[in-house]
Amino acid sequence: MKPVTKTFLKGLIAIIPLTLTLYLLIWLAGTAELALGNIFKFFFPDSWYIEGMGFVLGLAVVFIFGKFLESQTFLKIFNTFEELVIQIPFVKSIYTAIRDFISLFSSEQKGKFKQVVLVNVPHGNGLQIGFITVSDSEEFSSFIASDQVAVFLPFSYQMGGNTVILARENIVEIDMSVEDALRFIATAGVIGNVGDEKKLT
């Protein structure tokens, strides 16, 4: 590869993630500014409005909403509202997909990924990185045996994945954090190294 081409590709690889991240942040800020800025103007005189106030208000609303969710009473109300939302067929598919994807990046949801593992899927080609989601089969004893676990296998470069029920002998624990594993899978292994392996006991 020519030096000019290598230099160009190096710059391209560095600038694309930065550009897309900035674009997303600007889009989110612009959306919040437009929506919440108009709400502010509806209740208060236009002379009180300062450019950027909608975005700041958006941050405040998100933080306050998060604090409300720490209240069991408000959480029950929100859960009831959410149950009503997911009763709507088409809305349910969109809402649950977005909710579950976003929740993957929360510390609470990551706790549900009990262990990063390498999976030897029967009749598969090679090994796959996955996350144990169910290791105690008591709750799902009707279809998960005591010597089996449930493993989520995410797709690379897209949202989604498969959940498979496997014998413990078909998985190998690896010394890798959930964050590193998610990043490794999302980039199809372009970055990061798999840690030391150890048999699941």
Foldseek 3Di string as FASTA:
>chain_A
DDPVVVVVVVVVVVVVVVVVVVVVVVVVQVVQCVVQVVVVVVVDPPVVDDRSVSSVVVVVVVVVVVVLCVDPVSVVVVVVVVVVQLVDPVSVVVVVQVVVVVCCPDPVNLVQQPFWKWFDDVVDDHTAIWGFRAQCCPVVVVPAPNQKTWIWGAAECDGDTDIDIDGLQRIKTWPDGSVQNVVCRNHVNPDDDTHDIHRDD
